[in-house]
Amino acid sequence: MNQYPLLFTFQDKVSGEGFLAGITVHGRGLAVEESDGWWMYGVQPGDLSAGGATFMEAQREFRKAFTVILFDIAEDAKDFNSFKAEVGRFFKGINCPTEEEWHAAVLDVRAGKITAEALSKGLQKRPANSPRSVQVKLLRVFNPKDNVLEPQMAVAA
């Protein structure tokens, strides 16, 4: 069973109750080749996992699962501030057992036991201690004043 420590950056735009937010997450994950295919586990945020037959499929499903969680948070949030707080809480959650495996996998990469190329062609290497963070920005506030009636007609030629 090979394990690969990953650093990821995801950017999303999420609509909530009266707001549009931009979210940028610099997180950590662990890709694991198991007997039933590939699995990706969140380290930070830790409450996240997805699998697939191939690494690329698991990566796609992991990415999709992350966005679905943001959508769920937005659906439950009463306003932007509660959305931002809940996204921050979600991001701070660390899966401690998976974090231990992640650190061990980092040591395997440094020792040359596993390589980025073995996982995916063109995958970059970055320092394991790269800063991890979450940023939630208010992009737009929606309110009834945004409602505009501008009928547009043209003659088809």
N, C-alpha and C. Protein backbone atom coordinates (compact mmCIF):
# COMPACT_ATOMS: atom_id res chain seq x y z
N MET A 1 0.85 -1.18 0.00
CA MET A 1 0.00 0.00 0.00
C MET A 1 0.90 1.24 0.00
N ASN A 2 0.87 1.98 -1.11
CA ASN A 2 1.63 3.22 -1.19
C ASN A 2 0.79 4.39 -0.71
N GLN A 3 1.46 5.30 0.02
CA GLN A 3 0.80 6.50 0.51
C GLN A 3 1.57 7.71 0.02
N TYR A 4 0.83 8.72 -0.42
CA TYR A 4 1.43 9.91 -0.99
C TYR A 4 0.91 11.15 -0.25
N PRO A 5 1.83 11.93 0.34
CA PRO A 5 1.41 13.15 1.03
C PRO A 5 1.14 14.25 0.00
N LEU A 6 0.00 14.89 0.09
CA LEU A 6 -0.37 15.90 -0.89
C LEU A 6 -0.60 17.25 -0.24
N LEU A 7 -0.29 18.28 -0.97
CA LEU A 7 -0.68 19.65 -0.65
C LEU A 7 -1.61 20.09 -1.77
N PHE A 8 -2.71 20.70 -1.42
CA PHE A 8 -3.64 21.12 -2.47
C PHE A 8 -4.13 22.53 -2.23
N THR A 9 -4.52 23.17 -3.32
CA THR A 9 -5.15 24.48 -3.29
C THR A 9 -6.44 24.38 -4.07
N PHE A 10 -7.54 24.70 -3.42
CA PHE A 10 -8.85 24.70 -4.06
C PHE A 10 -9.41 26.11 -3.97
N GLN A 11 -10.05 26.55 -5.04
CA GLN A 11 -10.75 27.83 -5.04
C GLN A 11 -12.18 27.59 -5.47
N ASP A 12 -13.10 28.18 -4.73
CA ASP A 12 -14.52 28.03 -5.02
C ASP A 12 -15.23 29.36 -4.86
N LYS A 13 -16.35 29.47 -5.55
CA LYS A 13 -17.30 30.56 -5.34
C LYS A 13 -18.59 29.89 -4.89
N VAL A 14 -19.12 30.37 -3.77
CA VAL A 14 -20.29 29.74 -3.17
C VAL A 14 -21.33 30.81 -2.85
N SER A 15 -22.56 30.55 -3.28
CA SER A 15 -23.67 31.46 -2.96
C SER A 15 -24.35 30.99 -1.68
N GLY A 16 -24.66 31.97 -0.86
CA GLY A 16 -25.38 31.68 0.37
C GLY A 16 -26.55 32.63 0.50
N GLU A 17 -27.11 32.71 1.68
CA GLU A 17 -28.26 33.55 1.95
C GLU A 17 -27.87 35.03 1.85
N GLY A 18 -28.06 35.61 0.66
CA GLY A 18 -27.78 37.03 0.45
C GLY A 18 -26.32 37.36 0.15
N PHE A 19 -25.49 36.37 -0.13
CA PHE A 19 -24.07 36.67 -0.38
C PHE A 19 -23.47 35.70 -1.38
N LEU A 20 -22.37 36.16 -1.97
CA LEU A 20 -21.51 35.31 -2.79
C LEU A 20 -20.13 35.39 -2.16
N ALA A 21 -19.55 34.23 -1.84
CA ALA A 21 -18.25 34.18 -1.17
C ALA A 21 -17.22 33.51 -2.07
N GLY A 22 -15.99 33.97 -1.95
CA GLY A 22 -14.86 33.33 -2.60
C GLY A 22 -14.04 32.63 -1.54
N ILE A 23 -13.75 31.36 -1.75
CA ILE A 23 -13.02 30.56 -0.77
C ILE A 23 -11.76 30.04 -1.42
N THR A 24 -10.63 30.25 -0.74
CA THR A 24 -9.36 29.67 -1.17
C THR A 24 -8.82 28.86 -0.01
N VAL A 25 -8.55 27.59 -0.29
CA VAL A 25 -8.06 26.68 0.75
C VAL A 25 -6.73 26.10 0.30
N HIS A 26 -5.75 26.17 1.18
CA HIS A 26 -4.46 25.51 0.99
C HIS A 26 -4.43 24.41 2.05
N GLY A 27 -4.72 23.18 1.64
CA GLY A 27 -4.88 22.09 2.59
C GLY A 27 -3.87 20.97 2.38
N ARG A 28 -4.04 19.92 3.19
CA ARG A 28 -3.20 18.72 3.11
C ARG A 28 -4.10 17.50 2.97
N GLY A 29 -3.63 16.55 2.18
CA GLY A 29 -4.37 15.31 2.00
C GLY A 29 -3.41 14.15 1.85
N LEU A 30 -3.95 12.96 1.91
CA LEU A 30 -3.16 11.74 1.77
C LEU A 30 -3.82 10.86 0.72
N ALA A 31 -3.08 10.56 -0.35
CA ALA A 31 -3.57 9.63 -1.37
C ALA A 31 -3.03 8.24 -1.04
N VAL A 32 -3.91 7.25 -1.08
CA VAL A 32 -3.53 5.89 -0.71
C VAL A 32 -4.01 4.93 -1.79
N GLU A 33 -3.07 4.13 -2.28
CA GLU A 33 -3.42 3.08 -3.23
C GLU A 33 -3.78 1.84 -2.41
N GLU A 34 -5.06 1.47 -2.45
CA GLU A 34 -5.55 0.35 -1.66
C GLU A 34 -6.00 -0.77 -2.60
N SER A 35 -6.37 -1.89 -2.04
CA SER A 35 -6.75 -3.05 -2.86
C SER A 35 -7.99 -2.77 -3.73
N ASP A 36 -8.86 -1.86 -3.28
CA ASP A 36 -10.08 -1.56 -4.03
C ASP A 36 -9.96 -0.29 -4.87
N GLY A 37 -8.76 0.21 -5.08
CA GLY A 37 -8.55 1.42 -5.87
C GLY A 37 -7.80 2.47 -5.08
N TRP A 38 -8.07 3.70 -5.40
CA TRP A 38 -7.39 4.84 -4.76
C TRP A 38 -8.34 5.57 -3.83
N TRP A 39 -7.80 6.03 -2.72
CA TRP A 39 -8.57 6.83 -1.77
C TRP A 39 -7.77 8.07 -1.43
N MET A 40 -8.49 9.16 -1.26
CA MET A 40 -7.87 10.40 -0.79
C MET A 40 -8.56 10.78 0.51
N TYR A 41 -7.73 11.06 1.51
CA TYR A 41 -8.21 11.41 2.83
C TYR A 41 -7.73 12.82 3.17
N GLY A 42 -8.63 13.62 3.71
CA GLY A 42 -8.24 14.94 4.16
C GLY A 42 -7.45 14.85 5.45
N VAL A 43 -6.36 15.61 5.51
CA VAL A 43 -5.59 15.77 6.75
C VAL A 43 -6.05 17.08 7.39
N GLN A 44 -6.02 18.14 6.60
CA GLN A 44 -6.54 19.44 7.01
C GLN A 44 -7.10 20.13 5.79
N PRO A 45 -8.40 20.24 5.65
CA PRO A 45 -9.42 19.79 6.59
C PRO A 45 -9.50 18.27 6.64
N GLY A 46 -9.82 17.78 7.82
CA GLY A 46 -9.76 16.34 8.05
C GLY A 46 -11.06 15.59 7.85
N ASP A 47 -12.17 16.27 7.77
CA ASP A 47 -13.46 15.60 7.68
C ASP A 47 -13.87 15.43 6.22
N LEU A 48 -13.04 14.67 5.47
CA LEU A 48 -13.24 14.60 4.04
C LEU A 48 -12.51 13.38 3.49
N SER A 49 -13.17 12.63 2.61
CA SER A 49 -12.51 11.52 1.92
C SER A 49 -13.31 11.18 0.67
N ALA A 50 -12.62 10.56 -0.28
CA ALA A 50 -13.28 10.12 -1.52
C ALA A 50 -12.39 9.09 -2.19
N GLY A 51 -12.99 8.26 -3.01
CA GLY A 51 -12.22 7.23 -3.68
C GLY A 51 -12.59 7.09 -5.13
N GLY A 52 -11.77 6.30 -5.83
CA GLY A 52 -12.01 6.02 -7.24
C GLY A 52 -11.12 4.89 -7.70
N ALA A 53 -11.38 4.42 -8.90
CA ALA A 53 -10.60 3.31 -9.46
C ALA A 53 -9.16 3.73 -9.74
N THR A 54 -8.95 4.99 -10.11
CA THR A 54 -7.62 5.52 -10.41
C THR A 54 -7.33 6.71 -9.51
N PHE A 55 -6.06 7.11 -9.49
CA PHE A 55 -5.71 8.29 -8.71
C PHE A 55 -6.48 9.51 -9.21
N MET A 56 -6.55 9.69 -10.53
CA MET A 56 -7.23 10.86 -11.09
C MET A 56 -8.72 10.86 -10.73
N GLU A 57 -9.34 9.71 -10.75
CA GLU A 57 -10.75 9.61 -10.38
C GLU A 57 -10.93 9.94 -8.90
N ALA A 58 -10.07 9.42 -8.05
CA ALA A 58 -10.15 9.73 -6.62
C ALA A 58 -9.93 11.22 -6.37
N GLN A 59 -9.00 11.80 -7.11
CA GLN A 59 -8.73 13.24 -6.98
C GLN A 59 -9.96 14.05 -7.37
N ARG A 60 -10.61 13.69 -8.48
CA ARG A 60 -11.83 14.39 -8.91
C ARG A 60 -12.93 14.27 -7.87
N GLU A 61 -13.11 13.07 -7.33
CA GLU A 61 -14.16 12.85 -6.34
C GLU A 61 -13.87 13.59 -5.03
N PHE A 62 -12.60 13.65 -4.65
CA PHE A 62 -12.18 14.38 -3.46
C PHE A 62 -12.49 15.87 -3.63
N ARG A 63 -12.16 16.38 -4.80
CA ARG A 63 -12.41 17.80 -5.10
C ARG A 63 -13.90 18.08 -5.05
N LYS A 64 -14.68 17.21 -5.66
CA LYS A 64 -16.14 17.37 -5.68
C LYS A 64 -16.70 17.31 -4.27
N ALA A 65 -16.22 16.37 -3.46
CA ALA A 65 -16.70 16.23 -2.08
C ALA A 65 -16.42 17.49 -1.27
N PHE A 66 -15.27 18.10 -1.50
CA PHE A 66 -14.93 19.35 -0.81
C PHE A 66 -15.95 20.44 -1.14
N THR A 67 -16.24 20.59 -2.42
CA THR A 67 -17.19 21.63 -2.84
C THR A 67 -18.59 21.36 -2.29
N VAL A 68 -19.00 20.12 -2.28
CA VAL A 68 -20.31 19.77 -1.73
C VAL A 68 -20.40 20.15 -0.25
N ILE A 69 -19.33 19.96 0.48
CA ILE A 69 -19.31 20.36 1.89
C ILE A 69 -19.49 21.87 2.01
N LEU A 70 -18.82 22.64 1.16
CA LEU A 70 -19.00 24.10 1.19
C LEU A 70 -20.45 24.48 0.87
N PHE A 71 -21.05 23.81 -0.11
CA PHE A 71 -22.45 24.08 -0.45
C PHE A 71 -23.35 23.76 0.74
N ASP A 72 -23.08 22.66 1.43
CA ASP A 72 -23.89 22.30 2.60
C ASP A 72 -23.75 23.34 3.71
N ILE A 73 -22.53 23.81 3.91
CA ILE A 73 -22.31 24.85 4.92
C ILE A 73 -23.08 26.11 4.55
N ALA A 74 -23.05 26.49 3.27
CA ALA A 74 -23.75 27.69 2.80
C ALA A 74 -25.26 27.55 2.97
N GLU A 75 -25.76 26.37 2.73
CA GLU A 75 -27.21 26.13 2.85
C GLU A 75 -27.67 26.31 4.29
N ASP A 76 -26.84 25.93 5.24
CA ASP A 76 -27.20 26.04 6.66
C ASP A 76 -26.88 27.40 7.27
N ALA A 77 -26.03 28.19 6.61
CA ALA A 77 -25.59 29.47 7.19
C ALA A 77 -26.68 30.53 7.04
N LYS A 78 -26.90 31.31 8.10
CA LYS A 78 -27.92 32.35 8.05
C LYS A 78 -27.41 33.61 7.37
N ASP A 79 -26.07 33.79 7.33
CA ASP A 79 -25.49 34.96 6.68
C ASP A 79 -24.00 34.69 6.39
N PHE A 80 -23.34 35.69 5.81
CA PHE A 80 -21.94 35.51 5.44
C PHE A 80 -21.05 35.23 6.65
N ASN A 81 -21.26 35.96 7.73
CA ASN A 81 -20.39 35.77 8.90
C ASN A 81 -20.49 34.36 9.48
N SER A 82 -21.69 33.81 9.53
CA SER A 82 -21.81 32.44 10.04
C SER A 82 -21.21 31.44 9.04
N PHE A 83 -21.34 31.72 7.75
CA PHE A 83 -20.71 30.87 6.73
C PHE A 83 -19.19 30.89 6.90
N LYS A 84 -18.63 32.07 7.02
CA LYS A 84 -17.17 32.21 7.17
C LYS A 84 -16.68 31.48 8.42
N ALA A 85 -17.40 31.63 9.52
CA ALA A 85 -17.00 30.98 10.77
C ALA A 85 -17.04 29.46 10.63
N GLU A 86 -18.08 28.93 9.99
CA GLU A 86 -18.22 27.48 9.85
C GLU A 86 -17.17 26.91 8.89
N VAL A 87 -16.85 27.64 7.82
CA VAL A 87 -15.78 27.19 6.91
C VAL A 87 -14.45 27.16 7.66
N GLY A 88 -14.20 28.17 8.49
CA GLY A 88 -12.98 28.20 9.30
C GLY A 88 -12.91 27.03 10.26
N ARG A 89 -14.05 26.71 10.88
CA ARG A 89 -14.10 25.58 11.81
C ARG A 89 -13.84 24.26 11.06
N PHE A 90 -14.46 24.11 9.90
CA PHE A 90 -14.25 22.92 9.08
C PHE A 90 -12.78 22.77 8.70
N PHE A 91 -12.16 23.86 8.28
CA PHE A 91 -10.76 23.81 7.85
C PHE A 91 -9.83 23.46 9.00
N LYS A 92 -10.10 23.96 10.18
CA LYS A 92 -9.21 23.73 11.33
C LYS A 92 -9.26 22.29 11.83
N GLY A 93 -10.27 21.54 11.43
CA GLY A 93 -10.39 20.16 11.85
C GLY A 93 -9.30 19.30 11.23
N ILE A 94 -8.46 18.71 12.06
CA ILE A 94 -7.35 17.88 11.58
C ILE A 94 -7.65 16.42 11.92
N ASN A 95 -7.46 15.55 10.94
CA ASN A 95 -7.59 14.12 11.14
C ASN A 95 -6.23 13.64 11.66
N CYS A 96 -6.10 13.49 12.97
CA CYS A 96 -4.80 13.19 13.60
C CYS A 96 -4.19 11.86 13.16
N PRO A 97 -4.95 10.75 13.09
CA PRO A 97 -4.31 9.51 12.62
C PRO A 97 -3.80 9.63 11.18
N THR A 98 -4.58 10.29 10.33
CA THR A 98 -4.15 10.47 8.94
C THR A 98 -2.97 11.44 8.87
N GLU A 99 -2.92 12.40 9.77
CA GLU A 99 -1.78 13.33 9.81
C GLU A 99 -0.49 12.57 10.12
N GLU A 100 -0.55 11.60 11.03
CA GLU A 100 0.64 10.80 11.33
C GLU A 100 1.10 10.03 10.09
N GLU A 101 0.16 9.46 9.36
CA GLU A 101 0.49 8.75 8.12
C GLU A 101 1.05 9.72 7.08
N TRP A 102 0.52 10.93 7.04
CA TRP A 102 0.99 11.95 6.11
C TRP A 102 2.45 12.28 6.39
N HIS A 103 2.80 12.48 7.66
CA HIS A 103 4.19 12.79 8.02
C HIS A 103 5.12 11.63 7.66
N ALA A 104 4.67 10.41 7.88
CA ALA A 104 5.48 9.24 7.51
C ALA A 104 5.68 9.18 6.00
N ALA A 105 4.65 9.51 5.24
CA ALA A 105 4.76 9.52 3.78
C ALA A 105 5.70 10.62 3.30
N VAL A 106 5.71 11.77 3.99
CA VAL A 106 6.66 12.84 3.66
C VAL A 106 8.09 12.31 3.80
N LEU A 107 8.36 11.58 4.88
CA LEU A 107 9.69 11.01 5.08
C LEU A 107 10.05 10.02 3.96
N ASP A 108 9.05 9.25 3.48
CA ASP A 108 9.28 8.34 2.36
C ASP A 108 9.62 9.09 1.08
N VAL A 109 8.97 10.22 0.85
CA VAL A 109 9.29 11.04 -0.32
C VAL A 109 10.71 11.58 -0.20
N ARG A 110 11.06 12.10 0.96
CA ARG A 110 12.40 12.66 1.17
C ARG A 110 13.49 11.59 1.02
N ALA A 111 13.16 10.35 1.40
CA ALA A 111 14.13 9.25 1.29
C ALA A 111 14.17 8.66 -0.12
N GLY A 112 13.29 9.13 -1.00
CA GLY A 112 13.26 8.62 -2.37
C GLY A 112 12.51 7.31 -2.52
N LYS A 113 11.81 6.87 -1.49
CA LYS A 113 11.05 5.61 -1.56
C LYS A 113 9.82 5.74 -2.47
N ILE A 114 9.24 6.94 -2.49
CA ILE A 114 8.13 7.22 -3.40
C ILE A 114 8.41 8.55 -4.09
N THR A 115 7.89 8.69 -5.31
CA THR A 115 8.12 9.91 -6.07
C THR A 115 6.80 10.49 -6.55
N ALA A 116 6.82 11.78 -6.82
CA ALA A 116 5.64 12.44 -7.36
C ALA A 116 5.28 11.87 -8.72
N GLU A 117 6.29 11.54 -9.51
CA GLU A 117 6.06 11.02 -10.85
C GLU A 117 5.34 9.67 -10.83
N ALA A 118 5.57 8.89 -9.78
CA ALA A 118 4.90 7.60 -9.66
C ALA A 118 3.40 7.78 -9.48
N LEU A 119 3.01 8.90 -8.91
CA LEU A 119 1.61 9.19 -8.66
C LEU A 119 0.92 9.77 -9.89
N SER A 120 1.55 10.78 -10.48
CA SER A 120 0.95 11.45 -11.63
C SER A 120 2.03 12.23 -12.37
N LYS A 121 2.06 12.07 -13.66
CA LYS A 121 3.05 12.77 -14.48
C LYS A 121 2.86 14.28 -14.35
N GLY A 122 3.95 14.99 -14.16
CA GLY A 122 3.91 16.45 -14.07
C GLY A 122 3.54 16.99 -12.70
N LEU A 123 3.37 16.12 -11.72
CA LEU A 123 3.03 16.56 -10.36
C LEU A 123 4.25 17.25 -9.75
N GLN A 124 4.05 18.43 -9.20
CA GLN A 124 5.14 19.18 -8.61
C GLN A 124 5.42 18.73 -7.19
N LYS A 125 6.63 19.05 -6.71
CA LYS A 125 6.97 18.84 -5.31
C LYS A 125 7.07 20.21 -4.64
N ARG A 126 6.50 20.32 -3.45
CA ARG A 126 6.57 21.54 -2.67
C ARG A 126 6.98 21.16 -1.25
N PRO A 127 7.61 22.09 -0.54
CA PRO A 127 8.00 21.79 0.85
C PRO A 127 6.79 21.40 1.70
N ALA A 128 6.95 20.36 2.48
CA ALA A 128 5.87 19.86 3.33
C ALA A 128 5.41 20.91 4.34
N ASN A 129 6.30 21.81 4.71
CA ASN A 129 5.94 22.83 5.70
C ASN A 129 5.38 24.09 5.05
N SER A 130 4.97 24.01 3.77
CA SER A 130 4.32 25.15 3.12
C SER A 130 3.10 25.56 3.94
N PRO A 131 2.87 26.86 4.07
CA PRO A 131 1.75 27.31 4.90
C PRO A 131 0.40 26.79 4.39
N ARG A 132 -0.41 26.33 5.29
CA ARG A 132 -1.76 25.87 4.99
C ARG A 132 -2.72 26.89 5.57
N SER A 133 -3.75 27.24 4.84
CA SER A 133 -4.66 28.29 5.30
C SER A 133 -5.99 28.21 4.57
N VAL A 134 -6.95 28.96 5.10
CA VAL A 134 -8.23 29.13 4.44
C VAL A 134 -8.55 30.62 4.43
N GLN A 135 -9.07 31.06 3.31
CA GLN A 135 -9.47 32.47 3.18
C GLN A 135 -10.89 32.50 2.63
N VAL A 136 -11.75 33.23 3.31
CA VAL A 136 -13.14 33.37 2.88
C VAL A 136 -13.40 34.86 2.70
N LYS A 137 -13.70 35.26 1.46
CA LYS A 137 -13.94 36.67 1.15
C LYS A 137 -15.37 36.88 0.70
N LEU A 138 -15.93 37.98 1.14
CA LEU A 138 -17.25 38.39 0.68
C LEU A 138 -17.07 39.03 -0.69
N LEU A 139 -17.65 38.42 -1.71
CA LEU A 139 -17.52 38.94 -3.06
C LEU A 139 -18.67 39.86 -3.44
N ARG A 140 -19.85 39.51 -2.92
CA ARG A 140 -21.02 40.30 -3.29
C ARG A 140 -22.12 40.07 -2.28
N VAL A 141 -22.82 41.15 -1.95
CA VAL A 141 -24.00 41.07 -1.10
C VAL A 141 -25.21 41.27 -2.01
N PHE A 142 -26.18 40.39 -1.88
CA PHE A 142 -27.39 40.49 -2.68
C PHE A 142 -28.52 41.03 -1.82
N ASN A 143 -29.29 41.92 -2.39
CA ASN A 143 -30.47 42.41 -1.70
C ASN A 143 -31.52 42.83 -2.74
N PRO A 144 -32.73 43.17 -2.32
CA PRO A 144 -33.78 43.51 -3.28
C PRO A 144 -33.43 44.66 -4.22
N LYS A 145 -32.52 45.54 -3.83
CA LYS A 145 -32.12 46.64 -4.72
C LYS A 145 -31.41 46.14 -5.97
N ASP A 146 -30.94 44.89 -5.92
CA ASP A 146 -30.28 44.31 -7.09
C ASP A 146 -31.28 43.95 -8.20
N ASN A 147 -32.55 43.92 -7.86
CA ASN A 147 -33.56 43.58 -8.86
C ASN A 147 -33.74 44.75 -9.82
N VAL A 148 -33.50 44.47 -11.09
CA VAL A 148 -33.58 45.52 -12.11
C VAL A 148 -34.37 44.96 -13.28
N LEU A 149 -35.28 45.80 -13.76
CA LEU A 149 -36.05 45.42 -14.93
C LEU A 149 -35.47 46.17 -16.13
N GLU A 150 -34.80 45.48 -16.97
CA GLU A 150 -34.22 46.08 -18.17
C GLU A 150 -34.56 45.21 -19.37
N PRO A 151 -35.77 45.38 -19.88
CA PRO A 151 -36.12 44.59 -21.05
C PRO A 151 -35.24 44.98 -22.23
N GLN A 152 -34.76 43.99 -22.92
CA GLN A 152 -33.94 44.25 -24.09
C GLN A 152 -34.54 43.51 -25.26
N MET A 153 -34.78 44.28 -26.31
CA MET A 153 -35.31 43.69 -27.52
C MET A 153 -34.47 44.15 -28.69
N ALA A 154 -34.46 43.33 -29.69
CA ALA A 154 -33.75 43.67 -30.91
C ALA A 154 -34.49 43.00 -32.07
N VAL A 155 -34.30 43.56 -33.23
CA VAL A 155 -34.88 42.98 -34.42
C VAL A 155 -33.87 41.98 -34.97
N ALA A 156 -34.34 40.80 -35.21
CA ALA A 156 -33.47 39.76 -35.76
C ALA A 156 -33.25 40.06 -37.24
N ALA A 157 -32.03 40.01 -37.64
CA ALA A 157 -31.73 40.30 -39.06
C ALA A 157 -31.10 39.10 -39.73
